[in-house]
Amino acid sequence: LMASISSSLLVRDTPFWAGIIVCLVAYLGLFML
C-alpha cells in the first residue's frame, strides 16, 4: 500500500520484503510444528 502511493519511493521505505521473510519463517514453523 505504501509503494502504491508514489513510484519514487525506495525499497527500504516500503518494507514489504520484511513481511515476506517473516511469512517464509512462519510457513516453515507451521510445517515443522
All heavy atoms as atom14 arrays in JSON, in Angstrom:
{
  "sequence": "LMASISSSLLVRDTPFWAGIIVCLVAYLGLFML",
  "atom14_mask": [
    [1, 1, 1, 1, 1, 1, 1, 1, 0, 0, 0, 0, 0, 0],
    [1, 1, 1, 1, 1, 1, 1, 1, 0, 0, 0, 0, 0, 0],
    [1, 1, 1, 1, 1, 0, 0, 0, 0, 0, 0, 0, 0, 0],
    [1, 1, 1, 1, 1, 1, 0, 0, 0, 0, 0, 0, 0, 0],
    [1, 1, 1, 1, 1, 1, 1, 1, 0, 0, 0, 0, 0, 0],
    [1, 1, 1, 1, 1, 1, 0, 0, 0, 0, 0, 0, 0, 0],
    [1, 1, 1, 1, 1, 1, 0, 0, 0, 0, 0, 0, 0, 0],
    [1, 1, 1, 1, 1, 1, 0, 0, 0, 0, 0, 0, 0, 0],
    [1, 1, 1, 1, 1, 1, 1, 1, 0, 0, 0, 0, 0, 0],
    [1, 1, 1, 1, 1, 1, 1, 1, 0, 0, 0, 0, 0, 0],
    [1, 1, 1, 1, 1, 1, 1, 0, 0, 0, 0, 0, 0, 0],
    [1, 1, 1, 1, 1, 1, 1, 1, 1, 1, 1, 0, 0, 0],
    [1, 1, 1, 1, 1, 1, 1, 1, 0, 0, 0, 0, 0, 0],
    [1, 1, 1, 1, 1, 1, 1, 0, 0, 0, 0, 0, 0, 0],
    [1, 1, 1, 1, 1, 1, 1, 0, 0, 0, 0, 0, 0, 0],
    [1, 1, 1, 1, 1, 1, 1, 1, 1, 1, 1, 0, 0, 0],
    [1, 1, 1, 1, 1, 1, 1, 1, 1, 1, 1, 1, 1, 1],
    [1, 1, 1, 1, 1, 0, 0, 0, 0, 0, 0, 0, 0, 0],
    [1, 1, 1, 1, 0, 0, 0, 0, 0, 0, 0, 0, 0, 0],
    [1, 1, 1, 1, 1, 1, 1, 1, 0, 0, 0, 0, 0, 0],
    [1, 1, 1, 1, 1, 1, 1, 1, 0, 0, 0, 0, 0, 0],
    [1, 1, 1, 1, 1, 1, 1, 0, 0, 0, 0, 0, 0, 0],
    [1, 1, 1, 1, 1, 1, 0, 0, 0, 0, 0, 0, 0, 0],
    [1, 1, 1, 1, 1, 1, 1, 1, 0, 0, 0, 0, 0, 0],
    [1, 1, 1, 1, 1, 1, 1, 0, 0, 0, 0, 0, 0, 0],
    [1, 1, 1, 1, 1, 0, 0, 0, 0, 0, 0, 0, 0, 0],
    [1, 1, 1, 1, 1, 1, 1, 1, 1, 1, 1, 1, 0, 0],
    [1, 1, 1, 1, 1, 1, 1, 1, 0, 0, 0, 0, 0, 0],
    [1, 1, 1, 1, 0, 0, 0, 0, 0, 0, 0, 0, 0, 0],
    [1, 1, 1, 1, 1, 1, 1, 1, 0, 0, 0, 0, 0, 0],
    [1, 1, 1, 1, 1, 1, 1, 1, 1, 1, 1, 0, 0, 0],
    [1, 1, 1, 1, 1, 1, 1, 1, 0, 0, 0, 0, 0, 0],
    [1, 1, 1, 1, 1, 1, 1, 1, 0, 0, 0, 0, 0, 0]
  ],
  "atom14_positions": [
    [[0.83, -1.21, 0.0], [0.0, 0.0, 0.0], [0.86, 1.26, 0.0], [0.54, 2.24, -0.67], [-0.93, -0.01, 1.21], [-2.09, -1.01, 1.19], [-2.87, -0.97, 2.5], [-3.03, -0.75, 0.01], [0.0, 0.0, 0.0], [0.0, 0.0, 0.0], [0.0, 0.0, 0.0], [0.0, 0.0, 0.0], [0.0, 0.0, 0.0], [0.0, 0.0, 0.0]],
    [[1.96, 1.22, 0.73], [2.87, 2.37, 0.75], [3.53, 2.55, -0.62], [3.71, 3.68, -1.08], [3.95, 2.16, 1.82], [3.41, 2.16, 3.23], [4.64, 1.64, 4.45], [5.79, 3.0, 4.36], [0.0, 0.0, 0.0], [0.0, 0.0, 0.0], [0.0, 0.0, 0.0], [0.0, 0.0, 0.0], [0.0, 0.0, 0.0], [0.0, 0.0, 0.0]],
    [[3.9, 1.45, -1.27], [4.52, 1.54, -2.59], [3.57, 2.09, -3.64], [4.01, 2.68, -4.65], [5.04, 0.18, -3.02], [0.0, 0.0, 0.0], [0.0, 0.0, 0.0], [0.0, 0.0, 0.0], [0.0, 0.0, 0.0], [0.0, 0.0, 0.0], [0.0, 0.0, 0.0], [0.0, 0.0, 0.0], [0.0, 0.0, 0.0], [0.0, 0.0, 0.0]],
    [[2.26, 1.9, -3.43], [1.29, 2.4, -4.42], [1.06, 3.9, -4.33], [0.46, 4.49, -5.22], [-0.05, 1.67, -4.23], [-0.61, 1.99, -2.96], [0.0, 0.0, 0.0], [0.0, 0.0, 0.0], [0.0, 0.0, 0.0], [0.0, 0.0, 0.0], [0.0, 0.0, 0.0], [0.0, 0.0, 0.0], [0.0, 0.0, 0.0], [0.0, 0.0, 0.0]],
    [[1.54, 4.55, -3.26], [1.32, 5.99, -3.12], [2.19, 6.76, -4.11], [1.74, 7.71, -4.76], [1.62, 6.42, -1.67], [0.57, 5.82, -0.73], [1.61, 7.94, -1.55], [0.81, 6.14, 0.73], [0.0, 0.0, 0.0], [0.0, 0.0, 0.0], [0.0, 0.0, 0.0], [0.0, 0.0, 0.0], [0.0, 0.0, 0.0], [0.0, 0.0, 0.0]],
    [[3.46, 6.36, -4.23], [4.38, 7.05, -5.11], [5.34, 6.05, -5.74], [5.79, 5.1, -5.07], [5.17, 8.13, -4.34], [6.15, 8.72, -5.17], [0.0, 0.0, 0.0], [0.0, 0.0, 0.0], [0.0, 0.0, 0.0], [0.0, 0.0, 0.0], [0.0, 0.0, 0.0], [0.0, 0.0, 0.0], [0.0, 0.0, 0.0], [0.0, 0.0, 0.0]],
    [[5.67, 6.28, -7.0], [6.58, 5.38, -7.69], [8.05, 5.67, -7.4], [8.92, 4.89, -7.78], [6.34, 5.47, -9.2], [6.57, 6.8, -9.67], [0.0, 0.0, 0.0], [0.0, 0.0, 0.0], [0.0, 0.0, 0.0], [0.0, 0.0, 0.0], [0.0, 0.0, 0.0], [0.0, 0.0, 0.0], [0.0, 0.0, 0.0], [0.0, 0.0, 0.0]],
    [[8.33, 6.77, -6.75], [9.72, 7.15, -6.46], [10.17, 6.71, -5.07], [11.31, 7.03, -4.68], [9.89, 8.66, -6.6], [9.06, 9.34, -5.67], [0.0, 0.0, 0.0], [0.0, 0.0, 0.0], [0.0, 0.0, 0.0], [0.0, 0.0, 0.0], [0.0, 0.0, 0.0], [0.0, 0.0, 0.0], [0.0, 0.0, 0.0], [0.0, 0.0, 0.0]],
    [[9.34, 6.02, -4.33], [9.74, 5.57, -3.0], [10.78, 4.46, -3.11], [10.69, 3.57, -3.96], [8.52, 5.06, -2.23], [7.53, 6.12, -1.76], [6.28, 5.47, -1.19], [8.18, 7.03, -0.71], [0.0, 0.0, 0.0], [0.0, 0.0, 0.0], [0.0, 0.0, 0.0], [0.0, 0.0, 0.0], [0.0, 0.0, 0.0], [0.0, 0.0, 0.0]],
    [[11.77, 4.51, -2.23], [12.81, 3.5, -2.2], [12.29, 2.2, -1.61], [11.27, 2.19, -0.89], [14.02, 4.0, -1.41], [14.7, 5.27, -1.94], [15.82, 5.7, -1.01], [15.22, 5.05, -3.35], [0.0, 0.0, 0.0], [0.0, 0.0, 0.0], [0.0, 0.0, 0.0], [0.0, 0.0, 0.0], [0.0, 0.0, 0.0], [0.0, 0.0, 0.0]],
    [[13.0, 1.12, -1.9], [12.58, -0.18, -1.38], [12.66, -0.21, 0.14], [11.84, -0.83, 0.81], [13.45, -1.3, -2.0], [13.08, -2.66, -1.43], [13.29, -1.31, -3.51], [0.0, 0.0, 0.0], [0.0, 0.0, 0.0], [0.0, 0.0, 0.0], [0.0, 0.0, 0.0], [0.0, 0.0, 0.0], [0.0, 0.0, 0.0], [0.0, 0.0, 0.0]],
    [[13.63, 0.49, 0.7], [13.78, 0.48, 2.16], [12.62, 1.2, 2.85], [12.36, 0.97, 4.03], [15.09, 1.14, 2.55], [15.15, 2.63, 2.27], [16.46, 3.24, 2.71], [16.45, 4.68, 2.57], [17.49, 5.46, 2.86], [18.62, 4.91, 3.28], [17.4, 6.78, 2.72], [0.0, 0.0, 0.0], [0.0, 0.0, 0.0], [0.0, 0.0, 0.0]],
    [[11.95, 2.12, 2.11], [10.83, 2.86, 2.69], [9.51, 2.1, 2.6], [8.52, 2.52, 3.21], [10.69, 4.21, 1.99], [11.91, 5.1, 2.19], [12.53, 5.0, 3.27], [12.26, 5.86, 1.27], [0.0, 0.0, 0.0], [0.0, 0.0, 0.0], [0.0, 0.0, 0.0], [0.0, 0.0, 0.0], [0.0, 0.0, 0.0], [0.0, 0.0, 0.0]],
    [[9.48, 1.02, 1.85], [8.26, 0.19, 1.75], [8.65, -1.25, 2.12], [8.88, -2.09, 1.25], [7.7, 0.23, 0.32], [8.73, -0.21, -0.58], [7.28, 1.63, -0.05], [0.0, 0.0, 0.0], [0.0, 0.0, 0.0], [0.0, 0.0, 0.0], [0.0, 0.0, 0.0], [0.0, 0.0, 0.0], [0.0, 0.0, 0.0], [0.0, 0.0, 0.0]],
    [[8.73, -1.55, 3.39], [9.32, -2.83, 3.84], [8.41, -4.05, 3.67], [8.18, -4.81, 4.61], [9.63, -2.56, 5.31], [8.62, -1.57, 5.73], [8.35, -0.7, 4.54], [0.0, 0.0, 0.0], [0.0, 0.0, 0.0], [0.0, 0.0, 0.0], [0.0, 0.0, 0.0], [0.0, 0.0, 0.0], [0.0, 0.0, 0.0], [0.0, 0.0, 0.0]],
    [[7.89, -4.24, 2.46], [7.15, -5.47, 2.2], [8.09, -6.67, 2.23], [7.65, -7.8, 2.48], [6.44, -5.38, 0.85], [7.34, -5.1, -0.31], [7.99, -6.13, -0.97], [7.55, -3.8, -0.74], [8.83, -5.88, -2.04], [8.4, -3.54, -1.82], [9.04, -4.58, -2.46], [0.0, 0.0, 0.0], [0.0, 0.0, 0.0], [0.0, 0.0, 0.0]],
    [[9.37, -6.44, 1.97], [10.36, -7.52, 1.98], [10.51, -8.12, 3.37], [10.75, -9.32, 3.51], [11.71, -6.99, 1.49], [12.02, -5.6, 1.93], [11.7, -4.45, 1.29], [12.71, -5.21, 3.12], [12.14, -3.36, 2.0], [12.77, -3.8, 3.12], [13.29, -5.91, 4.17], [13.38, -3.08, 4.15], [13.91, -5.2, 5.2], [13.94, -3.8, 5.18]],
    [[10.36, -7.29, 4.39], [10.42, -7.81, 5.77], [9.24, -8.74, 6.04], [9.39, -9.8, 6.67], [10.43, -6.66, 6.77], [0.0, 0.0, 0.0], [0.0, 0.0, 0.0], [0.0, 0.0, 0.0], [0.0, 0.0, 0.0], [0.0, 0.0, 0.0], [0.0, 0.0, 0.0], [0.0, 0.0, 0.0], [0.0, 0.0, 0.0], [0.0, 0.0, 0.0]],
    [[8.06, -8.37, 5.57], [6.89, -9.23, 5.76], [7.0, -10.54, 5.03], [6.58, -11.59, 5.53], [0.0, 0.0, 0.0], [0.0, 0.0, 0.0], [0.0, 0.0, 0.0], [0.0, 0.0, 0.0], [0.0, 0.0, 0.0], [0.0, 0.0, 0.0], [0.0, 0.0, 0.0], [0.0, 0.0, 0.0], [0.0, 0.0, 0.0], [0.0, 0.0, 0.0]],
    [[7.58, -10.52, 3.81], [7.74, -11.76, 3.05], [8.68, -12.71, 3.77], [8.43, -13.92, 3.85], [8.24, -11.43, 1.63], [7.16, -10.66, 0.85], [8.63, -12.71, 0.89], [7.61, -10.19, -0.51], [0.0, 0.0, 0.0], [0.0, 0.0, 0.0], [0.0, 0.0, 0.0], [0.0, 0.0, 0.0], [0.0, 0.0, 0.0], [0.0, 0.0, 0.0]],
    [[9.77, -12.18, 4.32], [10.72, -13.04, 5.05], [10.06, -13.63, 6.28], [10.22, -14.83, 6.58], [11.97, -12.23, 5.41], [12.73, -11.85, 4.14], [12.87, -13.01, 6.35], [13.93, -10.96, 4.38], [0.0, 0.0, 0.0], [0.0, 0.0, 0.0], [0.0, 0.0, 0.0], [0.0, 0.0, 0.0], [0.0, 0.0, 0.0], [0.0, 0.0, 0.0]],
    [[9.3, -12.84, 7.02], [8.63, -13.35, 8.22], [7.58, -14.4, 7.84], [7.4, -15.39, 8.55], [8.0, -12.19, 9.0], [7.18, -12.71, 10.18], [9.08, -11.25, 9.52], [0.0, 0.0, 0.0], [0.0, 0.0, 0.0], [0.0, 0.0, 0.0], [0.0, 0.0, 0.0], [0.0, 0.0, 0.0], [0.0, 0.0, 0.0], [0.0, 0.0, 0.0]],
    [[6.91, -14.22, 6.72], [5.94, -15.23, 6.26], [6.63, -16.55, 5.92], [6.11, -17.63, 6.24], [5.18, -14.71, 5.04], [3.93, -13.45, 5.4], [0.0, 0.0, 0.0], [0.0, 0.0, 0.0], [0.0, 0.0, 0.0], [0.0, 0.0, 0.0], [0.0, 0.0, 0.0], [0.0, 0.0, 0.0], [0.0, 0.0, 0.0], [0.0, 0.0, 0.0]],
    [[7.8, -16.48, 5.28], [8.54, -17.71, 4.98], [8.96, -18.43, 6.26], [8.88, -19.66, 6.35], [9.77, -17.37, 4.13], [9.5, -16.87, 2.71], [10.81, -16.51, 2.02], [8.74, -17.92, 1.9], [0.0, 0.0, 0.0], [0.0, 0.0, 0.0], [0.0, 0.0, 0.0], [0.0, 0.0, 0.0], [0.0, 0.0, 0.0], [0.0, 0.0, 0.0]],
    [[9.39, -17.67, 7.25], [9.73, -18.27, 8.55], [8.51, -18.92, 9.17], [8.58, -20.03, 9.72], [10.33, -17.2, 9.48], [10.64, -17.79, 10.85], [11.59, -16.61, 8.89], [0.0, 0.0, 0.0], [0.0, 0.0, 0.0], [0.0, 0.0, 0.0], [0.0, 0.0, 0.0], [0.0, 0.0, 0.0], [0.0, 0.0, 0.0], [0.0, 0.0, 0.0]],
    [[7.37, -18.25, 9.08], [6.14, -18.79, 9.67], [5.7, -20.07, 8.97], [5.25, -21.02, 9.62], [5.03, -17.75, 9.62], [0.0, 0.0, 0.0], [0.0, 0.0, 0.0], [0.0, 0.0, 0.0], [0.0, 0.0, 0.0], [0.0, 0.0, 0.0], [0.0, 0.0, 0.0], [0.0, 0.0, 0.0], [0.0, 0.0, 0.0], [0.0, 0.0, 0.0]],
    [[5.82, -20.12, 7.64], [5.43, -21.33, 6.91], [6.3, -22.52, 7.32], [5.8, -23.63, 7.5], [5.54, -21.09, 5.4], [4.45, -20.22, 4.84], [4.72, -19.25, 3.88], [3.14, -20.36, 5.28], [3.72, -18.44, 3.37], [2.13, -19.55, 4.77], [2.43, -18.59, 3.82], [1.42, -17.8, 3.33], [0.0, 0.0, 0.0], [0.0, 0.0, 0.0]],
    [[7.6, -22.29, 7.47], [8.48, -23.36, 7.92], [8.12, -23.8, 9.33], [8.09, -25.0, 9.64], [9.93, -22.9, 7.87], [10.97, -23.92, 8.37], [10.95, -25.18, 7.52], [12.36, -23.31, 8.38], [0.0, 0.0, 0.0], [0.0, 0.0, 0.0], [0.0, 0.0, 0.0], [0.0, 0.0, 0.0], [0.0, 0.0, 0.0], [0.0, 0.0, 0.0]],
    [[7.82, -22.83, 10.2], [7.43, -23.18, 11.57], [6.13, -23.94, 11.64], [6.0, -24.9, 12.4], [0.0, 0.0, 0.0], [0.0, 0.0, 0.0], [0.0, 0.0, 0.0], [0.0, 0.0, 0.0], [0.0, 0.0, 0.0], [0.0, 0.0, 0.0], [0.0, 0.0, 0.0], [0.0, 0.0, 0.0], [0.0, 0.0, 0.0], [0.0, 0.0, 0.0]],
    [[5.16, -23.55, 10.83], [3.88, -24.28, 10.83], [4.07, -25.7, 10.32], [3.48, -26.65, 10.87], [2.87, -23.53, 9.95], [2.33, -22.21, 10.5], [1.46, -21.51, 9.47], [1.54, -22.46, 11.78], [0.0, 0.0, 0.0], [0.0, 0.0, 0.0], [0.0, 0.0, 0.0], [0.0, 0.0, 0.0], [0.0, 0.0, 0.0], [0.0, 0.0, 0.0]],
    [[4.87, -25.88, 9.29], [5.12, -27.23, 8.77], [5.82, -28.08, 9.82], [5.46, -29.25, 10.04], [5.96, -27.15, 7.5], [6.3, -28.5, 6.93], [5.35, -29.22, 6.21], [7.55, -29.06, 7.12], [5.65, -30.47, 5.69], [7.87, -30.3, 6.61], [6.92, -31.01, 5.9], [0.0, 0.0, 0.0], [0.0, 0.0, 0.0], [0.0, 0.0, 0.0]],
    [[6.82, -27.51, 10.48], [7.58, -28.28, 11.46], [6.73, -28.6, 12.69], [6.74, -29.73, 13.19], [8.81, -27.49, 11.89], [9.68, -28.19, 12.92], [11.0, -27.13, 13.53], [10.03, -25.91, 14.45], [0.0, 0.0, 0.0], [0.0, 0.0, 0.0], [0.0, 0.0, 0.0], [0.0, 0.0, 0.0], [0.0, 0.0, 0.0], [0.0, 0.0, 0.0]],
    [[5.98, -27.63, 13.2], [5.25, -27.81, 14.44], [3.98, -28.63, 14.26], [3.51, -29.27, 15.2], [4.91, -26.44, 15.04], [6.12, -25.6, 15.43], [5.68, -24.19, 15.79], [6.85, -26.23, 16.61], [0.0, 0.0, 0.0], [0.0, 0.0, 0.0], [0.0, 0.0, 0.0], [0.0, 0.0, 0.0], [0.0, 0.0, 0.0], [0.0, 0.0, 0.0]]
  ]
}
